[in-house]
Amino acid sequence: MFKVGPSGKDTVLHSFTGSPDGSLPLAGLTRDSAGTFYGTTEAGGANGCNDLGCRTVFKLKKSQESILYNFSGEADGRYTQSSLIRDAKGSLYGTTLLGGGNGCGGLGCGIVFRVAQAGKEKALYSFTGGADGGSPTSGLID
């Protein structure tokens, strides 16, 4: 991750290593009023679903990155591709492409999740791949 200053010069804020901090932060970032950024990684993390990992939800404060949550790839979801939204209490919400059940070829059809500031994740909805769709790749709106 980097920022571009007024002079046009960029500054590296964090270089992802893959494990345990995640890699490929492809989705947009969410920022709180204190200037802390929150996002997801497309690969990596501490839990090895495959060689790319299960993905993470991270926090970046003053160039210090920390992982709020590592997905396991099961009921909690796997493969985050969405940006996050944040509520007034600081909880983060997003979607995963897979996980959450047995549909979609046994890998699950994705979930809508919440991660509290303390790092506790909860699946709020599991897609079935039927009339409700499945495998969401976009973020949520508030």
N, C-alpha and C. Protein backbone atom coordinates (compact mmCIF):
# COMPACT_ATOMS: atom_id res chain seq x y z
N MET A 1 0.84 -1.17 0.00
CA MET A 1 0.00 0.00 0.00
C MET A 1 0.89 1.23 0.00
N PHE A 2 0.42 2.26 -0.66
CA PHE A 2 1.19 3.49 -0.71
C PHE A 2 0.25 4.68 -0.76
N LYS A 3 0.78 5.84 -0.50
CA LYS A 3 0.03 7.08 -0.66
C LYS A 3 0.85 8.00 -1.55
N VAL A 4 0.14 8.88 -2.23
CA VAL A 4 0.80 9.87 -3.07
C VAL A 4 0.57 11.22 -2.42
N GLY A 5 1.66 11.91 -2.10
CA GLY A 5 1.59 13.21 -1.44
C GLY A 5 1.32 14.33 -2.41
N PRO A 6 1.18 15.56 -1.90
CA PRO A 6 0.89 16.73 -2.74
C PRO A 6 1.95 16.98 -3.81
N SER A 7 3.18 16.60 -3.55
CA SER A 7 4.25 16.82 -4.52
C SER A 7 4.26 15.76 -5.63
N GLY A 8 3.39 14.75 -5.50
CA GLY A 8 3.34 13.67 -6.47
C GLY A 8 4.25 12.51 -6.13
N LYS A 9 5.00 12.62 -5.03
CA LYS A 9 5.89 11.54 -4.61
C LYS A 9 5.09 10.52 -3.80
N ASP A 10 5.32 9.23 -4.09
CA ASP A 10 4.61 8.20 -3.35
C ASP A 10 5.43 7.72 -2.15
N THR A 11 4.71 7.26 -1.14
CA THR A 11 5.30 6.73 0.09
C THR A 11 4.69 5.37 0.36
N VAL A 12 5.50 4.35 0.57
CA VAL A 12 5.00 3.02 0.89
C VAL A 12 4.54 3.02 2.35
N LEU A 13 3.28 2.63 2.56
CA LEU A 13 2.73 2.54 3.91
C LEU A 13 2.90 1.14 4.48
N HIS A 14 2.76 0.13 3.64
CA HIS A 14 2.92 -1.26 4.09
C HIS A 14 3.19 -2.16 2.90
N SER A 15 4.09 -3.09 3.05
CA SER A 15 4.35 -4.12 2.04
C SER A 15 3.87 -5.45 2.58
N PHE A 16 2.87 -6.03 1.96
CA PHE A 16 2.31 -7.30 2.39
C PHE A 16 3.26 -8.44 2.04
N THR A 17 3.34 -9.42 2.95
CA THR A 17 4.26 -10.54 2.77
C THR A 17 3.57 -11.86 2.44
N GLY A 18 2.26 -11.94 2.58
CA GLY A 18 1.53 -13.17 2.29
C GLY A 18 1.06 -13.88 3.54
N SER A 19 1.99 -14.29 4.38
CA SER A 19 1.63 -14.98 5.62
C SER A 19 2.49 -14.44 6.74
N PRO A 20 1.89 -14.02 7.81
CA PRO A 20 0.47 -14.11 8.15
C PRO A 20 -0.34 -12.87 7.80
N ASP A 21 0.26 -11.84 7.20
CA ASP A 21 -0.45 -10.57 7.05
C ASP A 21 -1.30 -10.44 5.79
N GLY A 22 -1.32 -11.45 4.94
CA GLY A 22 -2.12 -11.39 3.74
C GLY A 22 -1.34 -10.82 2.57
N SER A 23 -1.96 -10.87 1.40
CA SER A 23 -1.36 -10.28 0.20
C SER A 23 -2.47 -9.94 -0.79
N LEU A 24 -2.13 -9.17 -1.78
CA LEU A 24 -3.04 -8.74 -2.83
C LEU A 24 -4.27 -7.99 -2.28
N PRO A 25 -4.07 -6.83 -1.69
CA PRO A 25 -5.21 -6.04 -1.21
C PRO A 25 -5.89 -5.34 -2.40
N LEU A 26 -6.75 -6.05 -3.12
CA LEU A 26 -7.30 -5.56 -4.37
C LEU A 26 -8.51 -4.64 -4.20
N ALA A 27 -9.30 -4.85 -3.15
CA ALA A 27 -10.52 -4.07 -2.95
C ALA A 27 -10.19 -2.68 -2.39
N GLY A 28 -11.15 -1.80 -2.46
CA GLY A 28 -10.99 -0.47 -1.90
C GLY A 28 -10.84 -0.48 -0.39
N LEU A 29 -10.40 0.64 0.15
CA LEU A 29 -10.19 0.77 1.59
C LEU A 29 -11.30 1.60 2.21
N THR A 30 -11.54 1.36 3.51
CA THR A 30 -12.44 2.17 4.31
C THR A 30 -11.60 2.89 5.34
N ARG A 31 -11.90 4.15 5.61
CA ARG A 31 -11.11 4.92 6.57
C ARG A 31 -12.02 5.46 7.66
N ASP A 32 -11.54 5.42 8.90
CA ASP A 32 -12.30 6.01 10.00
C ASP A 32 -11.88 7.46 10.22
N SER A 33 -12.51 8.13 11.17
CA SER A 33 -12.23 9.55 11.40
C SER A 33 -10.82 9.80 11.94
N ALA A 34 -10.18 8.79 12.50
CA ALA A 34 -8.81 8.93 13.02
C ALA A 34 -7.76 8.68 11.93
N GLY A 35 -8.20 8.34 10.72
CA GLY A 35 -7.26 8.10 9.63
C GLY A 35 -6.77 6.67 9.53
N THR A 36 -7.38 5.75 10.26
CA THR A 36 -7.02 4.33 10.18
C THR A 36 -7.75 3.72 8.99
N PHE A 37 -7.02 2.94 8.19
CA PHE A 37 -7.59 2.27 7.03
C PHE A 37 -7.93 0.83 7.37
N TYR A 38 -8.99 0.31 6.73
CA TYR A 38 -9.42 -1.07 6.88
C TYR A 38 -9.64 -1.65 5.50
N GLY A 39 -9.25 -2.92 5.32
CA GLY A 39 -9.43 -3.55 4.03
C GLY A 39 -9.36 -5.06 4.11
N THR A 40 -9.41 -5.69 2.96
CA THR A 40 -9.34 -7.14 2.85
C THR A 40 -8.21 -7.50 1.90
N THR A 41 -7.70 -8.71 2.05
CA THR A 41 -6.69 -9.19 1.12
C THR A 41 -7.27 -10.32 0.28
N GLU A 42 -6.86 -10.39 -0.94
CA GLU A 42 -7.32 -11.41 -1.88
C GLU A 42 -6.59 -12.74 -1.67
N ALA A 43 -5.48 -12.72 -0.98
CA ALA A 43 -4.70 -13.94 -0.76
C ALA A 43 -4.00 -13.83 0.60
N GLY A 44 -3.36 -14.93 0.97
CA GLY A 44 -2.55 -14.94 2.19
C GLY A 44 -3.35 -15.10 3.46
N GLY A 45 -2.68 -14.82 4.56
CA GLY A 45 -3.27 -14.99 5.88
C GLY A 45 -2.65 -16.17 6.60
N ALA A 46 -3.09 -16.36 7.83
CA ALA A 46 -2.50 -17.40 8.68
C ALA A 46 -3.12 -18.77 8.47
N ASN A 47 -4.34 -18.84 7.92
CA ASN A 47 -5.02 -20.12 7.73
C ASN A 47 -4.87 -20.56 6.29
N GLY A 48 -4.29 -21.73 6.06
CA GLY A 48 -3.97 -22.16 4.70
C GLY A 48 -5.06 -22.94 4.00
N CYS A 49 -6.03 -22.28 3.38
CA CYS A 49 -7.04 -22.99 2.58
C CYS A 49 -6.40 -23.65 1.37
N ASN A 50 -5.43 -22.99 0.81
CA ASN A 50 -4.63 -23.52 -0.30
C ASN A 50 -3.36 -22.69 -0.33
N ASP A 51 -2.63 -22.77 -1.40
CA ASP A 51 -1.38 -22.02 -1.45
C ASP A 51 -1.58 -20.51 -1.42
N LEU A 52 -2.81 -20.05 -1.67
CA LEU A 52 -3.11 -18.63 -1.61
C LEU A 52 -3.69 -18.20 -0.27
N GLY A 53 -3.98 -19.14 0.62
CA GLY A 53 -4.57 -18.79 1.91
C GLY A 53 -6.06 -18.55 1.81
N CYS A 54 -6.66 -18.18 2.92
CA CYS A 54 -8.11 -17.95 2.98
C CYS A 54 -8.49 -16.48 2.96
N ARG A 55 -7.55 -15.60 3.12
CA ARG A 55 -7.76 -14.16 3.09
C ARG A 55 -7.88 -13.56 4.49
N THR A 56 -7.80 -12.21 4.54
CA THR A 56 -7.80 -11.52 5.83
C THR A 56 -8.64 -10.24 5.77
N VAL A 57 -8.97 -9.75 6.97
CA VAL A 57 -9.46 -8.40 7.17
C VAL A 57 -8.35 -7.72 7.96
N PHE A 58 -7.85 -6.57 7.47
CA PHE A 58 -6.72 -5.92 8.13
C PHE A 58 -7.02 -4.47 8.49
N LYS A 59 -6.16 -3.96 9.33
CA LYS A 59 -6.22 -2.57 9.79
C LYS A 59 -4.84 -1.97 9.58
N LEU A 60 -4.78 -0.75 9.06
CA LEU A 60 -3.51 -0.07 8.83
C LEU A 60 -3.56 1.30 9.50
N LYS A 61 -2.78 1.43 10.56
CA LYS A 61 -2.75 2.68 11.32
C LYS A 61 -1.32 3.19 11.38
N LYS A 62 -1.09 4.36 10.79
CA LYS A 62 0.25 4.97 10.78
C LYS A 62 1.32 3.98 10.33
N SER A 63 1.08 3.34 9.21
CA SER A 63 2.00 2.37 8.60
C SER A 63 2.18 1.09 9.40
N GLN A 64 1.39 0.87 10.44
CA GLN A 64 1.43 -0.37 11.21
C GLN A 64 0.22 -1.21 10.82
N GLU A 65 0.46 -2.33 10.16
CA GLU A 65 -0.62 -3.20 9.74
C GLU A 65 -0.86 -4.27 10.79
N SER A 66 -2.13 -4.55 11.07
CA SER A 66 -2.48 -5.66 11.96
C SER A 66 -3.68 -6.37 11.36
N ILE A 67 -3.75 -7.66 11.64
CA ILE A 67 -4.84 -8.49 11.13
C ILE A 67 -5.96 -8.49 12.17
N LEU A 68 -7.15 -8.11 11.72
CA LEU A 68 -8.32 -8.18 12.59
C LEU A 68 -8.93 -9.57 12.54
N TYR A 69 -8.86 -10.22 11.35
CA TYR A 69 -9.46 -11.54 11.24
C TYR A 69 -8.82 -12.32 10.09
N ASN A 70 -8.56 -13.61 10.34
CA ASN A 70 -8.10 -14.56 9.32
C ASN A 70 -9.25 -15.53 9.06
N PHE A 71 -9.70 -15.60 7.82
CA PHE A 71 -10.77 -16.53 7.47
C PHE A 71 -10.26 -17.96 7.47
N SER A 72 -11.12 -18.91 7.91
CA SER A 72 -10.73 -20.32 7.93
C SER A 72 -11.15 -21.03 6.66
N GLY A 73 -12.11 -20.46 5.93
CA GLY A 73 -12.57 -21.07 4.69
C GLY A 73 -13.79 -21.93 4.84
N GLU A 74 -14.35 -22.00 6.01
CA GLU A 74 -15.53 -22.83 6.25
C GLU A 74 -16.77 -21.95 6.39
N ALA A 75 -17.50 -22.09 7.51
CA ALA A 75 -18.72 -21.32 7.74
C ALA A 75 -18.45 -19.82 7.79
N ASP A 76 -17.21 -19.43 8.13
CA ASP A 76 -16.88 -18.00 8.21
C ASP A 76 -16.55 -17.40 6.84
N GLY A 77 -16.54 -18.18 5.80
CA GLY A 77 -16.30 -17.68 4.45
C GLY A 77 -14.86 -17.84 4.01
N ARG A 78 -14.66 -17.64 2.73
CA ARG A 78 -13.31 -17.64 2.14
C ARG A 78 -13.32 -16.80 0.88
N TYR A 79 -12.18 -16.25 0.57
CA TYR A 79 -11.97 -15.44 -0.62
C TYR A 79 -12.73 -14.12 -0.59
N THR A 80 -12.20 -13.19 0.15
CA THR A 80 -12.78 -11.85 0.20
C THR A 80 -12.32 -11.06 -1.02
N GLN A 81 -13.26 -10.49 -1.73
CA GLN A 81 -12.94 -9.64 -2.87
C GLN A 81 -13.60 -8.28 -2.74
N SER A 82 -14.31 -8.06 -1.66
CA SER A 82 -15.09 -6.83 -1.52
C SER A 82 -14.39 -5.82 -0.61
N SER A 83 -14.75 -4.57 -0.84
CA SER A 83 -14.34 -3.54 0.12
C SER A 83 -15.26 -3.67 1.33
N LEU A 84 -14.94 -2.95 2.38
CA LEU A 84 -15.67 -3.03 3.63
C LEU A 84 -16.47 -1.75 3.86
N ILE A 85 -17.54 -1.87 4.64
CA ILE A 85 -18.22 -0.69 5.17
C ILE A 85 -18.10 -0.78 6.69
N ARG A 86 -18.25 0.36 7.35
CA ARG A 86 -18.03 0.45 8.80
C ARG A 86 -19.23 1.10 9.44
N ASP A 87 -19.69 0.56 10.58
CA ASP A 87 -20.81 1.18 11.29
C ASP A 87 -20.31 2.11 12.39
N ALA A 88 -21.22 2.76 13.09
CA ALA A 88 -20.87 3.75 14.12
C ALA A 88 -20.08 3.13 15.28
N LYS A 89 -20.24 1.84 15.52
CA LYS A 89 -19.52 1.17 16.61
C LYS A 89 -18.14 0.68 16.17
N GLY A 90 -17.82 0.82 14.88
CA GLY A 90 -16.52 0.40 14.37
C GLY A 90 -16.49 -1.00 13.81
N SER A 91 -17.65 -1.69 13.78
CA SER A 91 -17.69 -3.02 13.15
C SER A 91 -17.59 -2.87 11.64
N LEU A 92 -16.97 -3.86 11.01
CA LEU A 92 -16.75 -3.87 9.57
C LEU A 92 -17.61 -4.94 8.92
N TYR A 93 -18.14 -4.66 7.73
CA TYR A 93 -19.03 -5.57 7.03
C TYR A 93 -18.52 -5.78 5.61
N GLY A 94 -18.64 -7.01 5.12
CA GLY A 94 -18.22 -7.32 3.76
C GLY A 94 -18.81 -8.63 3.30
N THR A 95 -18.33 -9.11 2.16
CA THR A 95 -18.80 -10.37 1.59
C THR A 95 -17.61 -11.26 1.25
N THR A 96 -17.88 -12.56 1.15
CA THR A 96 -16.87 -13.51 0.66
C THR A 96 -17.44 -14.23 -0.56
N LEU A 97 -16.56 -14.63 -1.43
CA LEU A 97 -16.94 -15.31 -2.67
C LEU A 97 -17.46 -16.72 -2.40
N LEU A 98 -16.84 -17.43 -1.47
CA LEU A 98 -17.20 -18.81 -1.15
C LEU A 98 -17.33 -18.97 0.36
N GLY A 99 -17.60 -20.21 0.79
CA GLY A 99 -17.75 -20.53 2.21
C GLY A 99 -19.18 -20.30 2.69
N GLY A 100 -19.42 -20.72 3.92
CA GLY A 100 -20.72 -20.49 4.53
C GLY A 100 -21.72 -21.62 4.40
N GLY A 101 -21.41 -22.67 3.70
CA GLY A 101 -22.36 -23.77 3.54
C GLY A 101 -21.82 -24.83 2.61
N ASN A 102 -22.73 -25.68 2.11
CA ASN A 102 -22.31 -26.80 1.26
C ASN A 102 -22.68 -26.63 -0.20
N GLY A 103 -23.38 -25.54 -0.56
CA GLY A 103 -23.78 -25.33 -1.95
C GLY A 103 -22.59 -24.97 -2.82
N CYS A 104 -22.89 -24.66 -4.07
CA CYS A 104 -21.88 -24.22 -5.04
C CYS A 104 -20.71 -25.19 -5.14
N GLY A 105 -21.02 -26.44 -5.38
CA GLY A 105 -19.98 -27.45 -5.55
C GLY A 105 -19.32 -27.88 -4.26
N GLY A 106 -20.00 -27.69 -3.12
CA GLY A 106 -19.46 -28.11 -1.83
C GLY A 106 -18.55 -27.09 -1.18
N LEU A 107 -18.29 -25.96 -1.84
CA LEU A 107 -17.40 -24.95 -1.27
C LEU A 107 -18.15 -23.83 -0.56
N GLY A 108 -19.47 -23.86 -0.61
CA GLY A 108 -20.26 -22.77 -0.07
C GLY A 108 -20.41 -21.68 -1.11
N CYS A 109 -21.48 -20.90 -0.99
CA CYS A 109 -21.82 -19.89 -2.00
C CYS A 109 -21.52 -18.47 -1.55
N GLY A 110 -20.77 -18.33 -0.46
CA GLY A 110 -20.41 -17.01 0.02
C GLY A 110 -21.28 -16.53 1.16
N ILE A 111 -20.80 -15.52 1.85
CA ILE A 111 -21.51 -14.98 3.00
C ILE A 111 -21.43 -13.46 3.02
N VAL A 112 -22.29 -12.87 3.84
CA VAL A 112 -22.15 -11.49 4.31
C VAL A 112 -21.65 -11.62 5.74
N PHE A 113 -20.59 -10.89 6.09
CA PHE A 113 -19.99 -11.04 7.42
C PHE A 113 -19.83 -9.71 8.14
N ARG A 114 -19.65 -9.82 9.45
CA ARG A 114 -19.31 -8.68 10.29
C ARG A 114 -18.08 -9.04 11.09
N VAL A 115 -17.13 -8.12 11.19
CA VAL A 115 -15.97 -8.27 12.06
C VAL A 115 -15.98 -7.11 13.03
N ALA A 116 -16.09 -7.43 14.33
CA ALA A 116 -16.07 -6.39 15.37
C ALA A 116 -14.64 -5.89 15.55
N GLN A 117 -14.46 -4.73 16.14
CA GLN A 117 -13.13 -4.16 16.36
C GLN A 117 -12.24 -5.10 17.18
N ALA A 118 -12.84 -5.92 18.03
CA ALA A 118 -12.06 -6.87 18.82
C ALA A 118 -11.62 -8.08 17.99
N GLY A 119 -12.07 -8.16 16.72
CA GLY A 119 -11.64 -9.24 15.84
C GLY A 119 -12.58 -10.42 15.76
N LYS A 120 -13.72 -10.35 16.41
CA LYS A 120 -14.67 -11.47 16.34
C LYS A 120 -15.50 -11.36 15.07
N GLU A 121 -15.52 -12.45 14.28
CA GLU A 121 -16.26 -12.48 13.02
C GLU A 121 -17.56 -13.23 13.19
N LYS A 122 -18.59 -12.77 12.49
CA LYS A 122 -19.88 -13.46 12.50
C LYS A 122 -20.44 -13.47 11.09
N ALA A 123 -20.84 -14.64 10.62
CA ALA A 123 -21.52 -14.75 9.33
C ALA A 123 -22.96 -14.29 9.54
N LEU A 124 -23.37 -13.26 8.84
CA LEU A 124 -24.72 -12.72 8.98
C LEU A 124 -25.70 -13.37 8.01
N TYR A 125 -25.19 -13.81 6.86
CA TYR A 125 -26.03 -14.46 5.87
C TYR A 125 -25.18 -15.38 5.02
N SER A 126 -25.68 -16.58 4.76
CA SER A 126 -25.00 -17.53 3.87
C SER A 126 -25.83 -17.69 2.61
N PHE A 127 -25.24 -17.39 1.46
CA PHE A 127 -25.94 -17.55 0.19
C PHE A 127 -26.09 -19.04 -0.12
N THR A 128 -27.16 -19.38 -0.84
CA THR A 128 -27.42 -20.78 -1.17
C THR A 128 -27.13 -21.11 -2.63
N GLY A 129 -26.98 -20.11 -3.47
CA GLY A 129 -26.78 -20.35 -4.89
C GLY A 129 -28.08 -20.53 -5.64
N GLY A 130 -29.20 -20.42 -4.93
CA GLY A 130 -30.52 -20.54 -5.56
C GLY A 130 -31.06 -19.16 -5.93
N ALA A 131 -32.30 -18.90 -5.53
CA ALA A 131 -32.94 -17.62 -5.85
C ALA A 131 -32.23 -16.42 -5.22
N ASP A 132 -31.47 -16.67 -4.16
CA ASP A 132 -30.74 -15.58 -3.50
C ASP A 132 -29.39 -15.27 -4.14
N GLY A 133 -29.00 -16.05 -5.13
CA GLY A 133 -27.73 -15.84 -5.79
C GLY A 133 -26.60 -16.51 -5.02
N GLY A 134 -25.40 -16.12 -5.34
CA GLY A 134 -24.25 -16.70 -4.67
C GLY A 134 -22.95 -16.12 -5.19
N SER A 135 -21.90 -16.39 -4.47
CA SER A 135 -20.54 -15.97 -4.82
C SER A 135 -20.43 -14.46 -5.09
N PRO A 136 -20.83 -13.64 -4.10
CA PRO A 136 -20.76 -12.18 -4.29
C PRO A 136 -19.31 -11.70 -4.34
N THR A 137 -19.08 -10.77 -5.24
CA THR A 137 -17.75 -10.18 -5.38
C THR A 137 -17.74 -8.69 -5.08
N SER A 138 -18.91 -8.11 -4.92
CA SER A 138 -18.97 -6.68 -4.67
C SER A 138 -19.18 -6.39 -3.19
N GLY A 139 -18.91 -5.15 -2.82
CA GLY A 139 -19.08 -4.72 -1.44
C GLY A 139 -20.54 -4.40 -1.12
N LEU A 140 -20.76 -4.01 0.09
CA LEU A 140 -22.09 -3.64 0.57
C LEU A 140 -22.21 -2.12 0.56
N ILE A 141 -23.44 -1.63 0.68
CA ILE A 141 -23.66 -0.20 0.82
C ILE A 141 -24.36 0.04 2.14
N ASP A 142 -24.17 1.23 2.69
CA ASP A 142 -24.86 1.55 3.95
C ASP A 142 -25.93 2.58 3.73
